[in-house]
């Protein structure tokens, strides 16, 4: 028998008020706050210690902080809400049919509020230090940065799908937080000097609300991650998972039904 393909699902309005949904949203709020606090705090600390933020050791330190913080945030929520910690990941799961639109809207709200809370806490705890403002580096056009963000988010979502969502993941699922975190850190090393390697709309949104309030380049950090993660969700769900579901099952003598 062939498994039915998952489809885009709007869901019911009552889902937004369901206690289980609200519990999951709280998990996303806290996990996103934990991640943004550590990731942005690492950048602030680097600036406090060294005037030259562009040195190689500084980039490695920030990449490591991102990897560890994201791995911890995903690990703490993967068995509760799925460990999205990123509106783009939620979007990829939505297009893949694993969460409904109503639940996605609740998740997005929680993630953005978590990022704002983390940025506000950092601002207060550091005596009003200005948080990093994300924008493409000199010579990098907005659409070039969108491509970079989309490519990084595609890889991040693909790794998430393979280790968290794929029903064949087996024991590799236990490595999901580490796999996602390490890839995020690698992306910071690869693309951080070009556009900040945000990969997460909430991470750009929180500091912008609390700090610079400049929105000219915000679209880059929404369009790129959403495009990349959404494409990865569609590709993995319909080209990787579903063909495997439709293959004959070996323990039934090669019969598919």
C-alpha atoms as a PDB file:
ATOM      1  CA  UNK A   1       0.000   0.000   0.000  1.00  0.00           C
ATOM      2  CA  UNK A   2       1.245   3.456  -0.828  1.00  0.00           C
ATOM      3  CA  UNK A   3       1.353   6.053   1.893  1.00  0.00           C
ATOM      4  CA  UNK A   4      -0.631   9.197   1.168  1.00  0.00           C
ATOM      5  CA  UNK A   5       1.280  12.333   0.360  1.00  0.00           C
ATOM      6  CA  UNK A   6       1.216  15.040   2.978  1.00  0.00           C
ATOM      7  CA  UNK A   7      -0.407  18.238   1.813  1.00  0.00           C
ATOM      8  CA  UNK A   8      -0.569  21.863   2.882  1.00  0.00           C
ATOM      9  CA  UNK A   9      -3.075  22.075   5.719  1.00  0.00           C
ATOM     10  CA  UNK A  10      -4.760  25.246   6.993  1.00  0.00           C
ATOM     11  CA  UNK A  11      -6.030  23.643  10.179  1.00  0.00           C
ATOM     12  CA  UNK A  12      -8.783  24.827  12.487  1.00  0.00           C
ATOM     13  CA  UNK A  13      -8.908  28.098  14.396  1.00  0.00           C
ATOM     14  CA  UNK A  14      -9.512  26.132  17.593  1.00  0.00           C
ATOM     15  CA  UNK A  15      -5.987  24.760  17.268  1.00  0.00           C
ATOM     16  CA  UNK A  16      -4.603  28.157  18.275  1.00  0.00           C
ATOM     17  CA  UNK A  17      -6.387  27.901  21.639  1.00  0.00           C
ATOM     18  CA  UNK A  18      -5.596  24.282  22.282  1.00  0.00           C
ATOM     19  CA  UNK A  19      -3.515  23.788  25.476  1.00  0.00           C
ATOM     20  CA  UNK A  20      -1.095  21.496  23.636  1.00  0.00           C
ATOM     21  CA  UNK A  21      -0.470  24.157  20.978  1.00  0.00           C
ATOM     22  CA  UNK A  22       0.095  26.814  23.615  1.00  0.00           C
ATOM     23  CA  UNK A  23       2.510  24.532  25.471  1.00  0.00           C
ATOM     24  CA  UNK A  24       4.436  23.964  22.262  1.00  0.00           C
ATOM     25  CA  UNK A  25       4.447  27.700  21.556  1.00  0.00           C
ATOM     26  CA  UNK A  26       5.889  28.376  24.996  1.00  0.00           C
ATOM     27  CA  UNK A  27       8.654  25.870  24.241  1.00  0.00           C
ATOM     28  CA  UNK A  28       9.403  27.677  20.971  1.00  0.00           C
ATOM     29  CA  UNK A  29       9.409  31.043  22.738  1.00  0.00           C
ATOM     30  CA  UNK A  30      11.926  29.881  25.341  1.00  0.00           C
ATOM     31  CA  UNK A  31      14.138  27.984  22.891  1.00  0.00           C
ATOM     32  CA  UNK A  32      14.316  30.929  20.487  1.00  0.00           C
ATOM     33  CA  UNK A  33      15.100  33.273  23.360  1.00  0.00           C
ATOM     34  CA  UNK A  34      17.884  30.957  24.552  1.00  0.00           C
ATOM     35  CA  UNK A  35      19.383  30.761  21.080  1.00  0.00           C
ATOM     36  CA  UNK A  36      19.179  34.467  20.265  1.00  0.00           C
ATOM     37  CA  UNK A  37      20.541  35.463  23.670  1.00  0.00           C
ATOM     38  CA  UNK A  38      23.611  33.235  23.260  1.00  0.00           C
ATOM     39  CA  UNK A  39      24.180  33.981  19.562  1.00  0.00           C
ATOM     40  CA  UNK A  40      23.842  37.749  19.852  1.00  0.00           C
ATOM     41  CA  UNK A  41      25.643  37.767  23.196  1.00  0.00           C
ATOM     42  CA  UNK A  42      28.647  36.066  21.597  1.00  0.00           C
ATOM     43  CA  UNK A  43      28.821  38.800  18.973  1.00  0.00           C
ATOM     44  CA  UNK A  44      28.568  41.501  21.622  1.00  0.00           C
ATOM     45  CA  UNK A  45      31.262  39.848  23.733  1.00  0.00           C
ATOM     46  CA  UNK A  46      33.602  39.680  20.771  1.00  0.00           C
ATOM     47  CA  UNK A  47      33.151  43.405  20.207  1.00  0.00           C
ATOM     48  CA  UNK A  48      33.783  44.065  23.886  1.00  0.00           C
ATOM     49  CA  UNK A  49      37.022  42.078  23.937  1.00  0.00           C
ATOM     50  CA  UNK A  50      38.433  43.042  20.572  1.00  0.00           C
ATOM     51  CA  UNK A  51      38.044  46.113  18.411  1.00  0.00           C
ATOM     52  CA  UNK A  52      38.692  44.082  15.277  1.00  0.00           C
ATOM     53  CA  UNK A  53      35.657  41.810  14.924  1.00  0.00           C
ATOM     54  CA  UNK A  54      36.832  40.623  11.529  1.00  0.00           C
ATOM     55  CA  UNK A  55      39.715  38.504  12.759  1.00  0.00           C
ATOM     56  CA  UNK A  56      39.612  34.784  12.024  1.00  0.00           C
ATOM     57  CA  UNK A  57      39.570  33.696  15.668  1.00  0.00           C
ATOM     58  CA  UNK A  58      36.585  35.956  16.312  1.00  0.00           C
ATOM     59  CA  UNK A  59      34.639  34.428  13.425  1.00  0.00           C
ATOM     60  CA  UNK A  60      35.399  30.934  14.715  1.00  0.00           C
ATOM     61  CA  UNK A  61      34.262  31.885  18.223  1.00  0.00           C
ATOM     62  CA  UNK A  62      30.971  33.304  16.955  1.00  0.00           C
ATOM     63  CA  UNK A  63      30.398  30.252  14.740  1.00  0.00           C
ATOM     64  CA  UNK A  64      31.019  27.915  17.677  1.00  0.00           C
ATOM     65  CA  UNK A  65      28.642  29.898  19.888  1.00  0.00           C
ATOM     66  CA  UNK A  66      25.932  29.676  17.226  1.00  0.00           C
ATOM     67  CA  UNK A  67      26.456  25.937  16.791  1.00  0.00           C
ATOM     68  CA  UNK A  68      26.309  25.144  20.499  1.00  0.00           C
ATOM     69  CA  UNK A  69      23.412  27.497  21.233  1.00  0.00           C
ATOM     70  CA  UNK A  70      21.276  26.171  18.397  1.00  0.00           C
ATOM     71  CA  UNK A  71      22.057  22.557  19.266  1.00  0.00           C
ATOM     72  CA  UNK A  72      21.014  23.175  22.877  1.00  0.00           C
ATOM     73  CA  UNK A  73      17.841  25.022  21.849  1.00  0.00           C
ATOM     74  CA  UNK A  74      16.775  22.275  19.432  1.00  0.00           C
ATOM     75  CA  UNK A  75      17.596  19.517  21.926  1.00  0.00           C
ATOM     76  CA  UNK A  76      15.513  21.152  24.649  1.00  0.00           C
ATOM     77  CA  UNK A  77      12.374  21.358  22.508  1.00  0.00           C
ATOM     78  CA  UNK A  78      12.578  18.679  19.811  1.00  0.00           C
ATOM     79  CA  UNK A  79      10.386  16.295  21.846  1.00  0.00           C
ATOM     80  CA  UNK A  80       7.902  19.032  22.738  1.00  0.00           C
ATOM     81  CA  UNK A  81       7.295  21.327  19.770  1.00  0.00           C
ATOM     82  CA  UNK A  82       9.608  19.769  17.208  1.00  0.00           C
ATOM     83  CA  UNK A  83      12.495  22.095  18.012  1.00  0.00           C
ATOM     84  CA  UNK A  84      11.983  24.552  15.156  1.00  0.00           C
ATOM     85  CA  UNK A  85      13.544  27.623  16.855  1.00  0.00           C
ATOM     86  CA  UNK A  86      13.276  29.394  13.509  1.00  0.00           C
ATOM     87  CA  UNK A  87      10.305  30.738  11.515  1.00  0.00           C
ATOM     88  CA  UNK A  88      11.944  29.449   8.331  1.00  0.00           C
ATOM     89  CA  UNK A  89      12.067  25.885   9.691  1.00  0.00           C
ATOM     90  CA  UNK A  90       8.405  26.163  10.646  1.00  0.00           C
ATOM     91  CA  UNK A  91       7.680  27.351   7.094  1.00  0.00           C
ATOM     92  CA  UNK A  92       9.498  24.358   5.630  1.00  0.00           C
ATOM     93  CA  UNK A  93       7.540  21.993   7.878  1.00  0.00           C
ATOM     94  CA  UNK A  94       4.319  23.786   6.859  1.00  0.00           C
ATOM     95  CA  UNK A  95       4.940  23.326   3.139  1.00  0.00           C
ATOM     96  CA  UNK A  96       5.918  19.720   3.788  1.00  0.00           C
ATOM     97  CA  UNK A  97       2.560  19.131   5.484  1.00  0.00           C
ATOM     98  CA  UNK A  98       3.890  18.423   8.989  1.00  0.00           C
ATOM     99  CA  UNK A  99       2.286  21.422  10.712  1.00  0.00           C
ATOM    100  CA  UNK A 100      -0.887  23.289   9.820  1.00  0.00           C
ATOM    101  CA  UNK A 101      -1.036  26.986   9.003  1.00  0.00           C
ATOM    102  CA  UNK A 102      -2.798  27.886  12.258  1.00  0.00           C
ATOM    103  CA  UNK A 103      -0.133  26.157  14.369  1.00  0.00           C
ATOM    104  CA  UNK A 104       2.567  27.794  12.226  1.00  0.00           C
ATOM    105  CA  UNK A 105       1.148  31.240  12.948  1.00  0.00           C
ATOM    106  CA  UNK A 106       1.249  30.498  16.683  1.00  0.00           C
ATOM    107  CA  UNK A 107       4.828  29.242  16.390  1.00  0.00           C
ATOM    108  CA  UNK A 108       5.919  32.298  14.393  1.00  0.00           C
ATOM    109  CA  UNK A 109       4.447  34.629  17.000  1.00  0.00           C
ATOM    110  CA  UNK A 110       6.207  32.771  19.807  1.00  0.00           C
ATOM    111  CA  UNK A 111       9.541  32.701  17.974  1.00  0.00           C
ATOM    112  CA  UNK A 112       9.496  36.409  17.180  1.00  0.00           C
ATOM    113  CA  UNK A 113       8.505  37.308  20.729  1.00  0.00           C
ATOM    114  CA  UNK A 114      11.259  35.054  22.051  1.00  0.00           C
ATOM    115  CA  UNK A 115      13.827  36.841  19.907  1.00  0.00           C
ATOM    116  CA  UNK A 116      12.583  40.240  21.069  1.00  0.00           C
ATOM    117  CA  UNK A 117      12.681  39.129  24.713  1.00  0.00           C
ATOM    118  CA  UNK A 118      16.265  37.883  24.330  1.00  0.00           C
ATOM    119  CA  UNK A 119      17.373  41.084  22.610  1.00  0.00           C
ATOM    120  CA  UNK A 120      15.694  43.209  25.271  1.00  0.00           C
ATOM    121  CA  UNK A 121      17.346  41.211  28.054  1.00  0.00           C
ATOM    122  CA  UNK A 122      20.745  41.621  26.392  1.00  0.00           C
ATOM    123  CA  UNK A 123      20.193  45.350  25.976  1.00  0.00           C
ATOM    124  CA  UNK A 124      19.230  45.758  29.627  1.00  0.00           C
ATOM    125  CA  UNK A 125      21.948  43.483  30.999  1.00  0.00           C
ATOM    126  CA  UNK A 126      24.727  45.222  29.064  1.00  0.00           C
ATOM    127  CA  UNK A 127      23.720  48.729  30.052  1.00  0.00           C
ATOM    128  CA  UNK A 128      22.211  49.685  26.713  1.00  0.00           C
ATOM    129  CA  UNK A 129      24.907  48.354  24.378  1.00  0.00           C
ATOM    130  CA  UNK A 130      23.722  48.520  20.776  1.00  0.00           C
ATOM    131  CA  UNK A 131      22.908  45.120  19.348  1.00  0.00           C
ATOM    132  CA  UNK A 132      24.330  44.024  15.991  1.00  0.00           C
ATOM    133  CA  UNK A 133      22.562  45.383  12.931  1.00  0.00           C
ATOM    134  CA  UNK A 134      22.393  42.904  10.083  1.00  0.00           C
ATOM    135  CA  UNK A 135      23.015  44.075   6.541  1.00  0.00           C
ATOM    136  CA  UNK A 136      24.966  42.738   3.561  1.00  0.00           C
ATOM    137  CA  UNK A 137      28.642  43.660   3.535  1.00  0.00           C
ATOM    138  CA  UNK A 138      30.007  46.304   1.183  1.00  0.00           C
ATOM    139  CA  UNK A 139      29.884  45.043  -2.374  1.00  0.00           C
ATOM    140  CA  UNK A 140      27.184  42.440  -1.619  1.00  0.00           C
ATOM    141  CA  UNK A 141      23.862  43.392  -3.180  1.00  0.00           C
ATOM    142  CA  UNK A 142      20.572  42.615  -1.484  1.00  0.00           C
ATOM    143  CA  UNK A 143      19.605  39.871  -3.915  1.00  0.00           C
ATOM    144  CA  UNK A 144      23.054  38.303  -3.613  1.00  0.00           C
ATOM    145  CA  UNK A 145      22.515  38.132   0.147  1.00  0.00           C
ATOM    146  CA  UNK A 146      19.078  36.580  -0.430  1.00  0.00           C
ATOM    147  CA  UNK A 147      20.724  33.802  -2.449  1.00  0.00           C
ATOM    148  CA  UNK A 148      23.260  33.230   0.319  1.00  0.00           C
ATOM    149  CA  UNK A 149      20.570  33.124   2.993  1.00  0.00           C
ATOM    150  CA  UNK A 150      18.409  30.820   0.884  1.00  0.00           C
ATOM    151  CA  UNK A 151      21.300  28.417   0.298  1.00  0.00           C
ATOM    152  CA  UNK A 152      22.174  28.293   3.998  1.00  0.00           C
ATOM    153  CA  UNK A 153      18.547  27.861   5.062  1.00  0.00           C
ATOM    154  CA  UNK A 154      18.056  25.119   2.464  1.00  0.00           C
ATOM    155  CA  UNK A 155      20.909  23.137   3.994  1.00  0.00           C
ATOM    156  CA  UNK A 156      19.665  23.778   7.518  1.00  0.00           C
ATOM    157  CA  UNK A 157      16.119  22.648   6.688  1.00  0.00           C
ATOM    158  CA  UNK A 158      17.369  19.632   4.744  1.00  0.00           C
ATOM    159  CA  UNK A 159      19.450  18.523   7.729  1.00  0.00           C
ATOM    160  CA  UNK A 160      16.469  19.103  10.040  1.00  0.00           C
ATOM    161  CA  UNK A 161      14.190  17.057   7.803  1.00  0.00           C
ATOM    162  CA  UNK A 162      16.703  14.207   7.568  1.00  0.00           C
ATOM    163  CA  UNK A 163      17.326  13.956  11.304  1.00  0.00           C
ATOM    164  CA  UNK A 164      14.017  15.032  12.867  1.00  0.00           C
ATOM    165  CA  UNK A 165      11.127  14.470  10.425  1.00  0.00           C
ATOM    166  CA  UNK A 166      12.171  11.599   8.141  1.00  0.00           C
ATOM    167  CA  UNK A 167      10.443   8.440   9.464  1.00  0.00           C
ATOM    168  CA  UNK A 168      13.493   6.384   8.452  1.00  0.00           C
ATOM    169  CA  UNK A 169      15.891   8.437  10.553  1.00  0.00           C
ATOM    170  CA  UNK A 170      16.357   5.674  13.147  1.00  0.00           C
ATOM    171  CA  UNK A 171      19.174   6.241  15.619  1.00  0.00           C
ATOM    172  CA  UNK A 172      20.469   9.220  13.678  1.00  0.00           C
ATOM    173  CA  UNK A 173      17.547  11.156  15.176  1.00  0.00           C
ATOM    174  CA  UNK A 174      19.453  11.349  18.436  1.00  0.00           C
ATOM    175  CA  UNK A 175      22.074  13.427  16.626  1.00  0.00           C
ATOM    176  CA  UNK A 176      19.541  15.889  15.216  1.00  0.00           C
ATOM    177  CA  UNK A 177      20.359  18.852  17.491  1.00  0.00           C
ATOM    178  CA  UNK A 178      24.089  18.417  16.938  1.00  0.00           C
ATOM    179  CA  UNK A 179      23.714  18.019  13.171  1.00  0.00           C
ATOM    180  CA  UNK A 180      21.581  21.151  12.842  1.00  0.00           C
ATOM    181  CA  UNK A 181      23.807  23.143  15.186  1.00  0.00           C
ATOM    182  CA  UNK A 182      27.049  22.155  13.463  1.00  0.00           C
ATOM    183  CA  UNK A 183      25.660  23.063  10.054  1.00  0.00           C
ATOM    184  CA  UNK A 184      24.578  26.464  11.358  1.00  0.00           C
ATOM    185  CA  UNK A 185      28.087  27.028  12.711  1.00  0.00           C
ATOM    186  CA  UNK A 186      29.638  25.974   9.414  1.00  0.00           C
ATOM    187  CA  UNK A 187      27.367  28.414   7.583  1.00  0.00           C
ATOM    188  CA  UNK A 188      28.527  31.238   9.849  1.00  0.00           C
ATOM    189  CA  UNK A 189      32.128  30.401   8.941  1.00  0.00           C
ATOM    190  CA  UNK A 190      31.280  30.242   5.245  1.00  0.00           C
ATOM    191  CA  UNK A 191      29.035  33.279   4.848  1.00  0.00           C
ATOM    192  CA  UNK A 192      29.228  35.343   8.008  1.00  0.00           C
ATOM    193  CA  UNK A 193      31.559  37.987   6.539  1.00  0.00           C
ATOM    194  CA  UNK A 194      29.248  38.486   3.556  1.00  0.00           C
ATOM    195  CA  UNK A 195      25.853  39.053   5.161  1.00  0.00           C
ATOM    196  CA  UNK A 196      26.002  37.932   8.801  1.00  0.00           C
ATOM    197  CA  UNK A 197      24.774  34.370   8.086  1.00  0.00           C
ATOM    198  CA  UNK A 198      21.479  34.929   9.885  1.00  0.00           C
ATOM    199  CA  UNK A 199      19.440  31.981   8.493  1.00  0.00           C
ATOM    200  CA  UNK A 200      16.665  32.871  10.934  1.00  0.00           C
ATOM    201  CA  UNK A 201      14.204  35.774  10.492  1.00  0.00           C
ATOM    202  CA  UNK A 202      13.604  35.940  14.244  1.00  0.00           C
ATOM    203  CA  UNK A 203      17.294  36.488  14.894  1.00  0.00           C
ATOM    204  CA  UNK A 204      17.282  39.561  12.655  1.00  0.00           C
ATOM    205  CA  UNK A 205      13.897  40.769  13.907  1.00  0.00           C
ATOM    206  CA  UNK A 206      14.640  40.821  17.649  1.00  0.00           C
ATOM    207  CA  UNK A 207      17.734  43.063  17.554  1.00  0.00           C
ATOM    208  CA  UNK A 208      16.043  45.344  14.999  1.00  0.00           C
ATOM    209  CA  UNK A 209      13.038  45.888  17.282  1.00  0.00           C
ATOM    210  CA  UNK A 210      15.113  46.517  20.404  1.00  0.00           C
ATOM    211  CA  UNK A 211      18.137  48.150  18.820  1.00  0.00           C
ATOM    212  CA  UNK A 212      18.557  49.841  15.449  1.00  0.00           C
ATOM    213  CA  UNK A 213      14.922  49.849  14.264  1.00  0.00           C
ATOM    214  CA  UNK A 214      16.255  50.005  10.747  1.00  0.00           C
ATOM    215  CA  UNK A 215      14.223  47.949   8.323  1.00  0.00           C
ATOM    216  CA  UNK A 216      15.813  48.665   4.942  1.00  0.00           C
ATOM    217  CA  UNK A 217      17.555  45.270   4.737  1.00  0.00           C
ATOM    218  CA  UNK A 218      15.192  43.196   6.870  1.00  0.00           C
ATOM    219  CA  UNK A 219      13.568  41.746   3.774  1.00  0.00           C
ATOM    220  CA  UNK A 220      16.829  39.959   2.957  1.00  0.00           C
ATOM    221  CA  UNK A 221      16.676  37.983   6.197  1.00  0.00           C
ATOM    222  CA  UNK A 222      13.057  37.034   5.655  1.00  0.00           C
ATOM    223  CA  UNK A 223      12.970  36.306   1.940  1.00  0.00           C
ATOM    224  CA  UNK A 224      16.177  34.255   1.840  1.00  0.00           C
ATOM    225  CA  UNK A 225      15.584  31.870   4.772  1.00  0.00           C
ATOM    226  CA  UNK A 226      11.883  31.398   3.959  1.00  0.00           C
ATOM    227  CA  UNK A 227      12.665  30.645   0.316  1.00  0.00           C
ATOM    228  CA  UNK A 228      15.459  28.212   1.095  1.00  0.00           C
ATOM    229  CA  UNK A 229      13.722  26.367   3.936  1.00  0.00           C
ATOM    230  CA  UNK A 230      10.444  26.184   2.046  1.00  0.00           C
ATOM    231  CA  UNK A 231      12.154  24.699  -0.995  1.00  0.00           C
ATOM    232  CA  UNK A 232      14.025  22.185   1.162  1.00  0.00           C
ATOM    233  CA  UNK A 233      10.770  21.112   2.818  1.00  0.00           C
ATOM    234  CA  UNK A 234       9.112  20.506  -0.542  1.00  0.00           C
ATOM    235  CA  UNK A 235      12.128  18.705  -1.996  1.00  0.00           C
ATOM    236  CA  UNK A 236      12.662  16.390   0.963  1.00  0.00           C
ATOM    237  CA  UNK A 237       8.980  15.624   1.490  1.00  0.00           C
ATOM    238  CA  UNK A 238       8.058  14.950  -2.122  1.00  0.00           C
ATOM    239  CA  UNK A 239      11.313  13.758  -3.693  1.00  0.00           C
ATOM    240  CA  UNK A 240      13.068  11.986  -0.820  1.00  0.00           C
ATOM    241  CA  UNK A 241      10.458  10.717   1.656  1.00  0.00           C
ATOM    242  CA  UNK A 242       7.515   9.920  -0.611  1.00  0.00           C
ATOM    243  CA  UNK A 243       9.364   7.883  -3.272  1.00  0.00           C
ATOM    244  CA  UNK A 244      10.799   5.781  -0.440  1.00  0.00           C
ATOM    245  CA  UNK A 245       7.309   5.291   0.999  1.00  0.00           C
ATOM    246  CA  UNK A 246       6.112   4.029  -2.362  1.00  0.00           C
ATOM    247  CA  UNK A 247       8.869   1.444  -2.810  1.00  0.00           C
ATOM    248  CA  UNK A 248       7.937  -2.223  -2.287  1.00  0.00           C
ATOM    249  CA  UNK A 249       8.469  -3.347   1.311  1.00  0.00           C
ATOM    250  CA  UNK A 250      11.291  -5.966   1.423  1.00  0.00           C
ATOM    251  CA  UNK A 251       9.799  -8.039   4.261  1.00  0.00           C
ATOM    252  CA  UNK A 252       6.654  -8.621   2.167  1.00  0.00           C
ATOM    253  CA  UNK A 253       8.459 -10.397  -0.588  1.00  0.00           C
ATOM    254  CA  UNK A 254       8.809  -7.286  -2.745  1.00  0.00           C
ATOM    255  CA  UNK A 255       5.046  -6.649  -2.883  1.00  0.00           C
ATOM    256  CA  UNK A 256       3.848  -3.095  -2.463  1.00  0.00           C
ATOM    257  CA  UNK A 257       0.356  -3.972  -1.304  1.00  0.00           C
END
